Amino acid sequence: MRVVSLGSGSSGNALLVEAGPQGRTKLLVDAGLSVKTMMKRLGQISIELSQIRGVLVTHEHSDHVSALPTLIKAYATPIITDPRTYHAIDASVRAGSWRSDTGRLVATQSVELDTLPVEELPIGEKRLIGDIEVVSFATSHDAVAPCGYLLKAGGWRICIVTDTGHVTAAMLEVMQHADLLILEANHDKERLLRGPYPWHLKKRILSETGHLSNEQAAEAILRIWRSDGMRWLWLAHLSRTNNTPELALYSVREYLLTAGANLARCQIAALPPDMGQMWDSTRLW
């Protein structure tokens, strides 16, 4: 099983997950980068967009879906998501504008589409897609049906939790099974409060349907912490204005160490907005 971050943050999110013999099942989790950018970054790891089996969509904000119209037009790549999210995407494509993470409307790429190919995956259900078992679970964000995913293949488990204002007990139940946890650490709270954003946007980010702070991410990690559990942690969806990779890493590490967690067996990284971390289970042996 291989996982590659193609981009993470408010400027665009996309994650490649592949599994099976010769990596024959290739999925994207979100497609919020331009098609040109994704082609370039996938090309660095010898993958073409035509090989993508489908796009697992977490929610309908522009930084997670902006490439979908072109992907569908050029490659007939199916959307795999909750029916409510699919209908929101379909409505946005027909209206010619996405809703951005800040609430603004952003023009969609001009592509004529009669229908959008979809494989519905209602929140709370699971499905085998090629060599990857996909489990969908609810998150807390101001979208119609936001979700995270637990992906299983070859005995490995990857959990993806971004764009959520708080972490519920149900989310923790899924997260605790991850070998690699990709968890939002969007902002430093004090930096956000002192920063340039208007108050209404700060209030939204801090709400239970906004984004996780570094401290909230660390609290969630601590609640599922055990010495024989998660061994890899990627901090995701960092704000360029209200966070830095160094600050996110320092904050989360200090919180866990102060609480007595032994980090010797856990590798922690912060994902950049451009090509980021790669995790490959075949190289771990």
C-alpha atoms as a PDB file:
ATOM      1  CA  MET A   1       0.000   0.000   0.000  1.00  0.00           C
ATOM      2  CA  ARG A   2       1.351   3.407  -0.942  1.00  0.00           C
ATOM      3  CA  VAL A   3       0.093   6.859   0.082  1.00  0.00           C
ATOM      4  CA  VAL A   4       1.371  10.114  -1.439  1.00  0.00           C
ATOM      5  CA  SER A   5       0.306  13.638  -0.534  1.00  0.00           C
ATOM      6  CA  LEU A   6      -0.042  15.637  -3.759  1.00  0.00           C
ATOM      7  CA  GLY A   7      -1.067  18.816  -1.935  1.00  0.00           C
ATOM      8  CA  SER A   8      -2.556  19.767   1.413  1.00  0.00           C
ATOM      9  CA  GLY A   9      -4.057  23.040   2.641  1.00  0.00           C
ATOM     10  CA  SER A  10      -6.488  25.769   1.671  1.00  0.00           C
ATOM     11  CA  SER A  11      -4.860  26.105  -1.769  1.00  0.00           C
ATOM     12  CA  GLY A  12      -5.853  22.550  -2.697  1.00  0.00           C
ATOM     13  CA  ASN A  13      -6.001  18.986  -1.422  1.00  0.00           C
ATOM     14  CA  ALA A  14      -5.339  15.665  -3.127  1.00  0.00           C
ATOM     15  CA  LEU A  15      -3.996  12.371  -1.847  1.00  0.00           C
ATOM     16  CA  LEU A  16      -3.023   9.292  -3.853  1.00  0.00           C
ATOM     17  CA  VAL A  17      -3.636   5.846  -2.366  1.00  0.00           C
ATOM     18  CA  GLU A  18      -2.689   2.685  -4.237  1.00  0.00           C
ATOM     19  CA  ALA A  19      -2.739  -0.987  -3.338  1.00  0.00           C
ATOM     20  CA  GLY A  20      -2.689  -4.467  -4.807  1.00  0.00           C
ATOM     21  CA  PRO A  21      -0.168  -6.205  -7.077  1.00  0.00           C
ATOM     22  CA  GLN A  22       1.944  -3.554  -8.824  1.00  0.00           C
ATOM     23  CA  GLY A  23      -0.309  -0.930  -7.244  1.00  0.00           C
ATOM     24  CA  ARG A  24      -3.114  -1.808  -9.638  1.00  0.00           C
ATOM     25  CA  THR A  25      -5.841  -0.025  -7.610  1.00  0.00           C
ATOM     26  CA  LYS A  26      -5.228   3.719  -7.570  1.00  0.00           C
ATOM     27  CA  LEU A  27      -7.594   6.132  -5.846  1.00  0.00           C
ATOM     28  CA  LEU A  28      -7.487   9.836  -5.183  1.00  0.00           C
ATOM     29  CA  VAL A  29      -8.861  11.199  -1.949  1.00  0.00           C
ATOM     30  CA  ASP A  30     -10.143  14.609  -3.070  1.00  0.00           C
ATOM     31  CA  ALA A  31      -9.078  16.462  -6.212  1.00  0.00           C
ATOM     32  CA  GLY A  32      -8.710  20.104  -5.247  1.00  0.00           C
ATOM     33  CA  LEU A  33      -5.620  20.882  -7.333  1.00  0.00           C
ATOM     34  CA  SER A  34      -5.570  21.861 -10.979  1.00  0.00           C
ATOM     35  CA  VAL A  35      -5.410  18.945 -13.395  1.00  0.00           C
ATOM     36  CA  LYS A  36      -2.128  20.305 -14.737  1.00  0.00           C
ATOM     37  CA  THR A  37      -0.630  20.312 -11.238  1.00  0.00           C
ATOM     38  CA  MET A  38      -1.854  16.809 -10.480  1.00  0.00           C
ATOM     39  CA  MET A  39      -0.500  15.499 -13.780  1.00  0.00           C
ATOM     40  CA  LYS A  40       2.898  16.989 -12.996  1.00  0.00           C
ATOM     41  CA  ARG A  41       3.045  15.656  -9.437  1.00  0.00           C
ATOM     42  CA  LEU A  42       1.748  12.212 -10.330  1.00  0.00           C
ATOM     43  CA  GLY A  43       4.296  12.120 -13.133  1.00  0.00           C
ATOM     44  CA  GLN A  44       7.046  12.431 -10.534  1.00  0.00           C
ATOM     45  CA  ILE A  45       6.000   9.000  -9.238  1.00  0.00           C
ATOM     46  CA  SER A  46       5.327   7.535 -12.707  1.00  0.00           C
ATOM     47  CA  ILE A  47       1.521   7.605 -12.526  1.00  0.00           C
ATOM     48  CA  GLU A  48      -0.935   8.970 -15.092  1.00  0.00           C
ATOM     49  CA  LEU A  49      -4.370  10.391 -14.379  1.00  0.00           C
ATOM     50  CA  SER A  50      -5.894   7.804 -16.714  1.00  0.00           C
ATOM     51  CA  GLN A  51      -4.896   5.124 -14.177  1.00  0.00           C
ATOM     52  CA  ILE A  52      -7.010   6.593 -11.377  1.00  0.00           C
ATOM     53  CA  ARG A  53      -9.894   4.264 -10.486  1.00  0.00           C
ATOM     54  CA  GLY A  54     -11.983   6.960  -8.810  1.00  0.00           C
ATOM     55  CA  VAL A  55     -11.978   9.989  -6.510  1.00  0.00           C
ATOM     56  CA  LEU A  56     -13.114   9.613  -2.911  1.00  0.00           C
ATOM     57  CA  VAL A  57     -14.562  13.022  -2.038  1.00  0.00           C
ATOM     58  CA  THR A  58     -14.684  14.208   1.581  1.00  0.00           C
ATOM     59  CA  HIS A  59     -16.934  17.229   0.873  1.00  0.00           C
ATOM     60  CA  GLU A  60     -17.858  19.708  -1.826  1.00  0.00           C
ATOM     61  CA  HIS A  61     -15.680  22.769  -1.058  1.00  0.00           C
ATOM     62  CA  SER A  62     -13.587  24.007  -3.966  1.00  0.00           C
ATOM     63  CA  ASP A  63     -10.198  23.120  -2.440  1.00  0.00           C
ATOM     64  CA  HIS A  64     -11.266  19.458  -2.506  1.00  0.00           C
ATOM     65  CA  VAL A  65     -13.152  19.152  -5.809  1.00  0.00           C
ATOM     66  CA  SER A  66     -12.029  21.806  -8.293  1.00  0.00           C
ATOM     67  CA  ALA A  67     -10.419  19.329 -10.733  1.00  0.00           C
ATOM     68  CA  LEU A  68     -13.426  17.012 -10.942  1.00  0.00           C
ATOM     69  CA  PRO A  69     -15.122  18.445 -14.069  1.00  0.00           C
ATOM     70  CA  THR A  70     -11.960  18.123 -16.165  1.00  0.00           C
ATOM     71  CA  LEU A  71     -11.116  14.691 -14.727  1.00  0.00           C
ATOM     72  CA  ILE A  72     -14.579  13.468 -15.576  1.00  0.00           C
ATOM     73  CA  LYS A  73     -14.570  14.995 -19.057  1.00  0.00           C
ATOM     74  CA  ALA A  74     -11.104  13.729 -19.984  1.00  0.00           C
ATOM     75  CA  TYR A  75     -11.004  10.358 -18.196  1.00  0.00           C
ATOM     76  CA  ALA A  76     -14.592   9.572 -17.079  1.00  0.00           C
ATOM     77  CA  THR A  77     -13.192   9.246 -13.553  1.00  0.00           C
ATOM     78  CA  PRO A  78     -16.069   8.411 -11.196  1.00  0.00           C
ATOM     79  CA  ILE A  79     -16.863  10.363  -8.038  1.00  0.00           C
ATOM     80  CA  ILE A  80     -17.113   8.112  -4.979  1.00  0.00           C
ATOM     81  CA  THR A  81     -18.942   9.863  -2.163  1.00  0.00           C
ATOM     82  CA  ASP A  82     -22.117  10.245  -0.134  1.00  0.00           C
ATOM     83  CA  PRO A  83     -25.189  10.914  -2.336  1.00  0.00           C
ATOM     84  CA  ARG A  84     -25.730  14.326  -0.697  1.00  0.00           C
ATOM     85  CA  THR A  85     -22.199  15.413  -1.523  1.00  0.00           C
ATOM     86  CA  TYR A  86     -22.597  14.148  -5.076  1.00  0.00           C
ATOM     87  CA  HIS A  87     -25.770  16.214  -5.561  1.00  0.00           C
ATOM     88  CA  ALA A  88     -24.007  19.302  -4.159  1.00  0.00           C
ATOM     89  CA  ILE A  89     -21.128  18.785  -6.612  1.00  0.00           C
ATOM     90  CA  ASP A  90     -23.543  18.235  -9.489  1.00  0.00           C
ATOM     91  CA  ALA A  91     -25.434  21.437  -8.598  1.00  0.00           C
ATOM     92  CA  SER A  92     -22.185  23.432  -8.406  1.00  0.00           C
ATOM     93  CA  VAL A  93     -20.995  22.188 -11.797  1.00  0.00           C
ATOM     94  CA  ARG A  94     -24.326  23.113 -13.368  1.00  0.00           C
ATOM     95  CA  ALA A  95     -24.352  26.528 -11.665  1.00  0.00           C
ATOM     96  CA  GLY A  96     -20.778  27.225 -12.752  1.00  0.00           C
ATOM     97  CA  SER A  97     -19.388  27.938  -9.279  1.00  0.00           C
ATOM     98  CA  TRP A  98     -17.980  26.115  -6.279  1.00  0.00           C
ATOM     99  CA  ARG A  99     -18.390  27.180  -2.706  1.00  0.00           C
ATOM    100  CA  SER A 100     -14.932  27.797  -1.257  1.00  0.00           C
ATOM    101  CA  ASP A 101     -13.793  26.936   2.259  1.00  0.00           C
ATOM    102  CA  THR A 102     -14.244  30.597   3.257  1.00  0.00           C
ATOM    103  CA  GLY A 103     -17.799  30.727   1.902  1.00  0.00           C
ATOM    104  CA  ARG A 104     -16.969  32.653  -1.275  1.00  0.00           C
ATOM    105  CA  LEU A 105     -18.135  31.408  -4.651  1.00  0.00           C
ATOM    106  CA  VAL A 106     -15.371  30.340  -7.043  1.00  0.00           C
ATOM    107  CA  ALA A 107     -15.961  29.803 -10.761  1.00  0.00           C
ATOM    108  CA  THR A 108     -15.739  26.182 -11.882  1.00  0.00           C
ATOM    109  CA  GLN A 109     -13.760  25.135 -14.933  1.00  0.00           C
ATOM    110  CA  SER A 110     -15.882  25.537 -18.042  1.00  0.00           C
ATOM    111  CA  VAL A 111     -16.667  21.949 -19.060  1.00  0.00           C
ATOM    112  CA  GLU A 112     -19.854  20.679 -20.692  1.00  0.00           C
ATOM    113  CA  LEU A 113     -21.085  17.579 -18.868  1.00  0.00           C
ATOM    114  CA  ASP A 114     -24.426  15.830 -19.229  1.00  0.00           C
ATOM    115  CA  THR A 115     -24.017  13.638 -16.150  1.00  0.00           C
ATOM    116  CA  LEU A 116     -21.345  13.102 -13.533  1.00  0.00           C
ATOM    117  CA  PRO A 117     -20.307   9.446 -13.088  1.00  0.00           C
ATOM    118  CA  VAL A 118     -20.823   8.454  -9.480  1.00  0.00           C
ATOM    119  CA  GLU A 119     -20.432   5.452  -7.186  1.00  0.00           C
ATOM    120  CA  GLU A 120     -22.469   6.281  -4.113  1.00  0.00           C
ATOM    121  CA  LEU A 121     -20.930   5.514  -0.738  1.00  0.00           C
ATOM    122  CA  PRO A 122     -23.286   6.698   2.020  1.00  0.00           C
ATOM    123  CA  ILE A 123     -21.605   7.836   5.210  1.00  0.00           C
ATOM    124  CA  GLY A 124     -21.202   4.943   7.639  1.00  0.00           C
ATOM    125  CA  GLU A 125     -20.992   2.275   4.969  1.00  0.00           C
ATOM    126  CA  LYS A 126     -18.032   0.368   3.563  1.00  0.00           C
ATOM    127  CA  ARG A 127     -17.186  -0.937   0.111  1.00  0.00           C
ATOM    128  CA  LEU A 128     -14.404  -2.851  -1.599  1.00  0.00           C
ATOM    129  CA  ILE A 129     -13.014  -0.775  -4.455  1.00  0.00           C
ATOM    130  CA  GLY A 130     -10.505  -2.893  -6.317  1.00  0.00           C
ATOM    131  CA  ASP A 131      -7.948  -3.964  -3.718  1.00  0.00           C
ATOM    132  CA  ILE A 132      -8.929  -1.293  -1.158  1.00  0.00           C
ATOM    133  CA  GLU A 133     -11.688  -1.583   1.425  1.00  0.00           C
ATOM    134  CA  VAL A 134     -13.139   1.879   2.048  1.00  0.00           C
ATOM    135  CA  VAL A 135     -15.021   2.793   5.222  1.00  0.00           C
ATOM    136  CA  SER A 136     -16.745   6.174   5.323  1.00  0.00           C
ATOM    137  CA  PHE A 137     -17.482   8.031   8.576  1.00  0.00           C
ATOM    138  CA  ALA A 138     -18.956  11.433   9.440  1.00  0.00           C
ATOM    139  CA  THR A 139     -16.873  14.482  10.306  1.00  0.00           C
ATOM    140  CA  SER A 140     -18.030  17.925  11.530  1.00  0.00           C
ATOM    141  CA  HIS A 141     -17.711  20.669   8.913  1.00  0.00           C
ATOM    142  CA  ASP A 142     -20.001  23.237   7.272  1.00  0.00           C
ATOM    143  CA  ALA A 143     -20.663  21.107   4.210  1.00  0.00           C
ATOM    144  CA  VAL A 144     -23.711  19.009   3.307  1.00  0.00           C
ATOM    145  CA  ALA A 145     -22.290  15.611   4.324  1.00  0.00           C
ATOM    146  CA  PRO A 146     -18.602  15.855   5.255  1.00  0.00           C
ATOM    147  CA  CYS A 147     -16.759  12.613   5.872  1.00  0.00           C
ATOM    148  CA  GLY A 148     -13.435  10.956   6.484  1.00  0.00           C
ATOM    149  CA  TYR A 149     -12.190   7.596   5.260  1.00  0.00           C
ATOM    150  CA  LEU A 150     -10.541   4.502   6.678  1.00  0.00           C
ATOM    151  CA  LEU A 151      -8.764   2.625   3.882  1.00  0.00           C
ATOM    152  CA  LYS A 152      -7.611  -0.971   4.332  1.00  0.00           C
ATOM    153  CA  ALA A 153      -5.403  -3.140   2.123  1.00  0.00           C
ATOM    154  CA  GLY A 154      -2.785  -5.814   2.683  1.00  0.00           C
ATOM    155  CA  GLY A 155      -3.225  -5.671   6.450  1.00  0.00           C
ATOM    156  CA  TRP A 156      -2.523  -1.915   6.590  1.00  0.00           C
ATOM    157  CA  ARG A 157      -4.968   0.814   7.604  1.00  0.00           C
ATOM    158  CA  ILE A 158      -4.908   4.471   6.599  1.00  0.00           C
ATOM    159  CA  CYS A 159      -7.274   6.970   8.243  1.00  0.00           C
ATOM    160  CA  ILE A 160      -7.941  10.407   6.746  1.00  0.00           C
ATOM    161  CA  VAL A 161      -9.569  13.096   8.907  1.00  0.00           C
ATOM    162  CA  THR A 162      -9.483  16.658   7.580  1.00  0.00           C
ATOM    163  CA  ASP A 163     -11.909  19.605   7.621  1.00  0.00           C
ATOM    164  CA  THR A 164     -13.614  19.016  10.932  1.00  0.00           C
ATOM    165  CA  GLY A 165     -14.284  21.427  13.782  1.00  0.00           C
ATOM    166  CA  HIS A 166     -14.149  18.813  16.506  1.00  0.00           C
ATOM    167  CA  VAL A 167     -13.478  15.115  16.958  1.00  0.00           C
ATOM    168  CA  THR A 168     -16.352  12.912  18.081  1.00  0.00           C
ATOM    169  CA  ALA A 169     -16.236   9.599  19.918  1.00  0.00           C
ATOM    170  CA  ALA A 170     -17.311   7.859  16.709  1.00  0.00           C
ATOM    171  CA  MET A 171     -14.394   9.426  14.847  1.00  0.00           C
ATOM    172  CA  LEU A 172     -11.953   8.363  17.575  1.00  0.00           C
ATOM    173  CA  GLU A 173     -13.245   4.805  17.293  1.00  0.00           C
ATOM    174  CA  VAL A 174     -12.206   4.740  13.630  1.00  0.00           C
ATOM    175  CA  MET A 175      -8.970   6.689  14.088  1.00  0.00           C
ATOM    176  CA  GLN A 176      -7.596   4.299  16.687  1.00  0.00           C
ATOM    177  CA  HIS A 177      -7.305   1.545  14.057  1.00  0.00           C
ATOM    178  CA  ALA A 178      -4.918   3.519  11.816  1.00  0.00           C
ATOM    179  CA  ASP A 179      -1.311   2.614  11.105  1.00  0.00           C
ATOM    180  CA  LEU A 180      -1.010   5.941   9.276  1.00  0.00           C
ATOM    181  CA  LEU A 181      -3.261   8.730  10.555  1.00  0.00           C
ATOM    182  CA  ILE A 182      -3.667  11.829   8.374  1.00  0.00           C
ATOM    183  CA  LEU A 183      -5.214  14.397  10.703  1.00  0.00           C
ATOM    184  CA  GLU A 184      -6.030  18.060  10.322  1.00  0.00           C
ATOM    185  CA  ALA A 185      -3.960  20.574  12.301  1.00  0.00           C
ATOM    186  CA  ASN A 186      -5.223  23.686  10.575  1.00  0.00           C
ATOM    187  CA  HIS A 187      -4.239  26.566  12.826  1.00  0.00           C
ATOM    188  CA  ASP A 188      -2.607  27.859  15.954  1.00  0.00           C
ATOM    189  CA  LYS A 189      -5.489  29.392  17.918  1.00  0.00           C
ATOM    190  CA  GLU A 190      -3.609  32.435  19.218  1.00  0.00           C
ATOM    191  CA  ARG A 191      -2.112  33.124  15.810  1.00  0.00           C
ATOM    192  CA  LEU A 192      -5.581  32.910  14.253  1.00  0.00           C
ATOM    193  CA  LEU A 193      -7.081  35.291  16.828  1.00  0.00           C
ATOM    194  CA  ARG A 194      -4.281  37.835  16.346  1.00  0.00           C
ATOM    195  CA  GLY A 195      -4.224  37.430  12.584  1.00  0.00           C
ATOM    196  CA  PRO A 196      -5.726  39.380   9.660  1.00  0.00           C
ATOM    197  CA  TYR A 197      -8.911  37.358   9.076  1.00  0.00           C
ATOM    198  CA  PRO A 198     -12.239  39.144   9.671  1.00  0.00           C
ATOM    199  CA  TRP A 199     -14.024  38.100  12.840  1.00  0.00           C
ATOM    200  CA  HIS A 200     -16.789  36.174  11.072  1.00  0.00           C
ATOM    201  CA  LEU A 201     -14.178  33.946   9.405  1.00  0.00           C
ATOM    202  CA  LYS A 202     -12.251  33.450  12.656  1.00  0.00           C
ATOM    203  CA  LYS A 203     -15.511  32.496  14.359  1.00  0.00           C
ATOM    204  CA  ARG A 204     -16.291  29.979  11.617  1.00  0.00           C
ATOM    205  CA  ILE A 205     -12.847  28.361  11.798  1.00  0.00           C
ATOM    206  CA  LEU A 206     -13.074  28.059  15.594  1.00  0.00           C
ATOM    207  CA  SER A 207     -16.581  26.604  15.532  1.00  0.00           C
ATOM    208  CA  GLU A 208     -17.507  22.931  15.803  1.00  0.00           C
ATOM    209  CA  THR A 209     -18.082  22.895  12.048  1.00  0.00           C
ATOM    210  CA  GLY A 210     -14.797  24.649  11.213  1.00  0.00           C
ATOM    211  CA  HIS A 211     -11.240  23.350  11.491  1.00  0.00           C
ATOM    212  CA  LEU A 212      -9.071  21.667  14.109  1.00  0.00           C
ATOM    213  CA  SER A 213      -6.344  23.658  15.839  1.00  0.00           C
ATOM    214  CA  ASN A 214      -2.935  22.184  16.627  1.00  0.00           C
ATOM    215  CA  GLU A 215      -4.040  21.691  20.228  1.00  0.00           C
ATOM    216  CA  GLN A 216      -7.303  20.002  19.252  1.00  0.00           C
ATOM    217  CA  ALA A 217      -5.408  17.653  16.950  1.00  0.00           C
ATOM    218  CA  ALA A 218      -3.002  16.775  19.766  1.00  0.00           C
ATOM    219  CA  GLU A 219      -5.896  16.197  22.177  1.00  0.00           C
ATOM    220  CA  ALA A 220      -7.510  13.791  19.724  1.00  0.00           C
ATOM    221  CA  ILE A 221      -4.233  11.918  19.197  1.00  0.00           C
ATOM    222  CA  LEU A 222      -3.731  11.614  22.934  1.00  0.00           C
ATOM    223  CA  ARG A 223      -7.204  10.119  23.388  1.00  0.00           C
ATOM    224  CA  ILE A 224      -6.353   7.207  21.076  1.00  0.00           C
ATOM    225  CA  TRP A 225      -2.709   6.912  22.092  1.00  0.00           C
ATOM    226  CA  ARG A 226      -1.288   3.500  22.909  1.00  0.00           C
ATOM    227  CA  SER A 227       2.235   2.187  22.649  1.00  0.00           C
ATOM    228  CA  ASP A 228       1.369  -0.508  20.088  1.00  0.00           C
ATOM    229  CA  GLY A 229      -0.925   1.710  17.987  1.00  0.00           C
ATOM    230  CA  MET A 230      -0.433   4.338  15.300  1.00  0.00           C
ATOM    231  CA  ARG A 231       3.160   4.516  14.046  1.00  0.00           C
ATOM    232  CA  TRP A 232       2.867   7.282  11.443  1.00  0.00           C
ATOM    233  CA  LEU A 233       1.115  10.629  11.787  1.00  0.00           C
ATOM    234  CA  TRP A 234       0.751  13.294   9.113  1.00  0.00           C
ATOM    235  CA  LEU A 235      -0.567  16.707  10.148  1.00  0.00           C
ATOM    236  CA  ALA A 236      -2.696  18.002   7.281  1.00  0.00           C
ATOM    237  CA  HIS A 237      -4.606  21.010   5.933  1.00  0.00           C
ATOM    238  CA  LEU A 238      -2.297  23.572   7.564  1.00  0.00           C
ATOM    239  CA  SER A 239      -3.281  27.204   7.095  1.00  0.00           C
ATOM    240  CA  ARG A 240      -0.591  29.299   5.404  1.00  0.00           C
ATOM    241  CA  THR A 241      -1.763  32.351   7.367  1.00  0.00           C
ATOM    242  CA  ASN A 242      -2.443  30.875  10.790  1.00  0.00           C
ATOM    243  CA  ASN A 243       0.076  28.041  11.056  1.00  0.00           C
ATOM    244  CA  THR A 244       3.430  26.745   9.860  1.00  0.00           C
ATOM    245  CA  PRO A 245       4.731  23.178   9.574  1.00  0.00           C
ATOM    246  CA  GLU A 246       7.311  23.923  12.276  1.00  0.00           C
ATOM    247  CA  LEU A 247       4.709  25.340  14.661  1.00  0.00           C
ATOM    248  CA  ALA A 248       2.272  22.482  14.069  1.00  0.00           C
ATOM    249  CA  LEU A 249       4.951  19.848  14.667  1.00  0.00           C
ATOM    250  CA  TYR A 250       6.281  21.598  17.771  1.00  0.00           C
ATOM    251  CA  SER A 251       2.811  22.137  19.266  1.00  0.00           C
ATOM    252  CA  VAL A 252       1.632  18.569  18.737  1.00  0.00           C
ATOM    253  CA  ARG A 253       4.896  17.007  19.920  1.00  0.00           C
ATOM    254  CA  GLU A 254       5.048  19.164  23.061  1.00  0.00           C
ATOM    255  CA  TYR A 255       1.441  18.421  23.945  1.00  0.00           C
ATOM    256  CA  LEU A 256       1.971  14.671  23.611  1.00  0.00           C
ATOM    257  CA  LEU A 257       5.304  14.640  25.432  1.00  0.00           C
ATOM    258  CA  THR A 258       3.925  16.733  28.306  1.00  0.00           C
ATOM    259  CA  ALA A 259       1.120  14.191  28.655  1.00  0.00           C
ATOM    260  CA  GLY A 260       3.699  11.396  28.904  1.00  0.00           C
ATOM    261  CA  ALA A 261       3.365   9.867  25.439  1.00  0.00           C
ATOM    262  CA  ASN A 262       6.438   7.987  24.198  1.00  0.00           C
ATOM    263  CA  LEU A 263       7.057   9.168  20.633  1.00  0.00           C
ATOM    264  CA  ALA A 264       9.988   6.833  19.962  1.00  0.00           C
ATOM    265  CA  ARG A 265       7.942   4.592  17.665  1.00  0.00           C
ATOM    266  CA  CYS A 266       5.820   7.300  16.020  1.00  0.00           C
ATOM    267  CA  GLN A 267       7.011   9.273  13.006  1.00  0.00           C
ATOM    268  CA  ILE A 268       5.299  12.669  12.768  1.00  0.00           C
ATOM    269  CA  ALA A 269       5.352  14.949   9.712  1.00  0.00           C
ATOM    270  CA  ALA A 270       3.499  18.076   8.597  1.00  0.00           C
ATOM    271  CA  LEU A 271       2.189  18.082   5.027  1.00  0.00           C
ATOM    272  CA  PRO A 272       3.158  21.052   2.807  1.00  0.00           C
ATOM    273  CA  PRO A 273       0.859  22.662   0.212  1.00  0.00           C
ATOM    274  CA  ASP A 274       2.948  21.185  -2.595  1.00  0.00           C
ATOM    275  CA  MET A 275       4.161  17.600  -3.155  1.00  0.00           C
ATOM    276  CA  GLY A 276       4.529  16.121   0.303  1.00  0.00           C
ATOM    277  CA  GLN A 277       5.138  12.921   2.199  1.00  0.00           C
ATOM    278  CA  MET A 278       5.170   9.406   0.742  1.00  0.00           C
ATOM    279  CA  TRP A 279       4.364   6.300   2.790  1.00  0.00           C
ATOM    280  CA  ASP A 280       5.014   2.899   1.224  1.00  0.00           C
ATOM    281  CA  SER A 281       4.292  -0.271   3.204  1.00  0.00           C
ATOM    282  CA  THR A 282       6.474  -2.360   0.883  1.00  0.00           C
ATOM    283  CA  ARG A 283       9.531  -0.390   2.018  1.00  0.00           C
ATOM    284  CA  LEU A 284       8.824  -0.705   5.732  1.00  0.00           C
ATOM    285  CA  TRP A 285      10.208  -4.228   5.916  1.00  0.00           C
END
